Protein backbone atom coordinates (compact mmCIF):
# COMPACT_ATOMS: atom_id res chain seq x y z
CA LYS A 1 4.97 -15.84 3.38
CA ILE A 2 4.60 -11.95 4.45
CA ASN A 3 1.72 -11.06 6.73
CA PRO A 4 -0.27 -7.99 5.20
CA GLU A 5 -1.61 -6.86 8.39
CA ILE A 6 1.71 -7.03 10.23
CA ILE A 7 3.09 -4.51 7.66
CA GLU A 8 -0.12 -2.33 7.78
CA ASN A 9 -0.01 -2.18 11.48
CA LYS A 10 3.49 -1.04 11.27
CA ILE A 11 2.72 1.82 8.75
CA ARG A 12 -0.36 2.96 9.71
CA PRO A 13 0.53 5.12 13.02
CA HIS A 14 2.79 7.24 10.81
CA MET A 15 0.00 7.65 8.04
CA LYS A 16 -2.66 10.29 7.91
CA GLY A 17 -5.09 8.37 5.70
CA ARG A 18 -5.93 4.71 5.21
CA VAL A 19 -3.40 2.14 3.74
CA ILE A 20 -3.88 -1.43 2.34
CA VAL A 21 -0.71 -3.88 1.73
CA THR A 22 -1.06 -7.11 -0.34
CA GLY A 23 1.14 -9.00 -2.67
CA LYS A 24 1.44 -8.96 -6.22
CA LYS A 25 2.74 -11.50 -8.68
CA ASP A 26 6.22 -10.66 -9.85
CA PRO A 27 7.87 -12.41 -12.69
CA VAL A 28 11.37 -12.18 -10.73
CA LEU A 29 10.37 -12.35 -6.82
CA GLY A 30 7.33 -14.52 -7.58
CA GLU A 31 5.30 -12.05 -5.45
CA LYS A 32 6.28 -8.37 -4.17
CA VAL A 33 4.72 -6.43 -1.43
CA VAL A 34 2.65 -3.37 -2.88
CA MET A 35 0.71 -0.83 -1.10
CA ALA A 36 -2.24 1.17 -1.97
CA ILE A 37 -2.86 4.79 -0.31
CA GLU A 38 -6.11 6.25 0.04
CA LEU A 39 -5.44 9.91 -1.16
CA LYS A 40 -9.18 11.02 0.36
CA ASP A 41 -7.85 11.77 3.93
CA SER A 42 -4.13 11.51 3.64
CA GLY A 43 -3.71 14.52 1.31
CA ASN A 44 -0.34 14.75 -0.55
CA PRO A 45 1.62 11.32 -1.23
CA GLU A 46 5.24 12.95 -0.91
CA GLY A 47 7.14 11.89 2.00
CA ILE A 48 6.44 7.95 1.86
CA ARG A 49 9.72 7.28 1.88
CA ILE A 50 10.13 8.87 5.20
CA VAL A 51 6.87 7.29 6.51
CA ILE A 52 8.44 3.78 5.49
CA GLY A 53 11.54 4.59 7.02
CA LYS A 54 9.82 5.59 10.54
CA SER A 55 7.51 2.11 10.32
CA GLY A 56 10.58 0.02 11.37
CA LEU A 57 9.63 -2.53 8.48
CA GLU A 58 12.27 -5.04 7.47
CA ARG A 59 13.87 -5.08 4.10
CA HIS A 60 11.65 -7.77 2.89
CA GLU A 61 8.67 -6.45 4.37
CA LYS A 62 9.05 -2.88 2.26
CA PRO A 63 6.45 -2.23 -0.42
CA ARG A 64 8.21 -2.17 -3.58
CA GLU A 65 5.29 -0.40 -5.64
CA PHE A 66 2.92 2.25 -4.46
CA TYR A 67 -0.81 2.60 -5.75
CA PHE A 68 -2.62 6.08 -4.72
CA VAL A 69 -6.28 6.02 -5.18
CA ASP A 70 -8.91 8.40 -4.55
CA PHE A 71 -11.03 6.39 -2.29
CA PHE A 72 -11.27 2.41 -1.18
CA PRO A 73 -14.14 0.66 -2.23
CA GLU A 74 -16.39 -0.01 0.71
CA SER A 75 -19.22 -2.25 1.26
CA SER A 76 -22.62 -0.48 2.85
CA SER A 77 -21.40 -1.23 6.22
CA GLY A 78 -18.10 0.39 5.85
CA LYS A 79 -15.67 -2.52 5.10
CA ILE A 80 -13.10 -2.06 2.75
CA LEU A 81 -13.82 -4.29 -0.14
CA ARG A 82 -10.28 -5.85 -0.62
CA ARG A 83 -10.82 -7.77 -3.92
CA LYS A 84 -12.19 -4.95 -5.51
CA LEU A 85 -9.50 -2.95 -4.45
CA PHE A 86 -7.07 -5.50 -5.55
CA GLU A 87 -8.67 -5.55 -9.13
CA LYS A 88 -8.40 -1.93 -9.45
CA ILE A 89 -4.94 -1.89 -8.49
CA ASN A 90 -3.77 -4.69 -10.76
CA ALA A 91 -5.31 -2.56 -13.57
CA MET A 92 -2.99 0.41 -12.65
CA LYS A 93 0.75 1.13 -12.97
CA GLY A 94 2.04 1.45 -9.52
CA ILE A 95 5.00 4.04 -8.66
CA ALA A 96 8.13 2.00 -7.87
CA TRP A 97 10.17 2.55 -4.80
CA GLU A 98 12.74 4.02 -6.62
CA ASP A 99 10.91 6.70 -8.50
CA LEU A 100 9.30 8.00 -5.01
CA ASP A 101 10.46 11.73 -4.34
């Protein structure tokens, strides 16, 4: 089992914007690691391979798909509403690791 918080803490120092890591059902693997990236503050999504490389993630911790969203849904107190974010990314088509520039 992978702990999303550990992965997020390894990636955050190398990102300008906010990231959320979660698992997503996969017919082959059972579950795969995916990452949502908020574009509001991070600007251009290019260079994510470099960021992942710098993060020191183990092979099994590396996200397999990436979801670039304009903003993360938040409560009135500013807390990220993870469940709403997961619903949002489940309805989207992610970008596979192999397809990143």
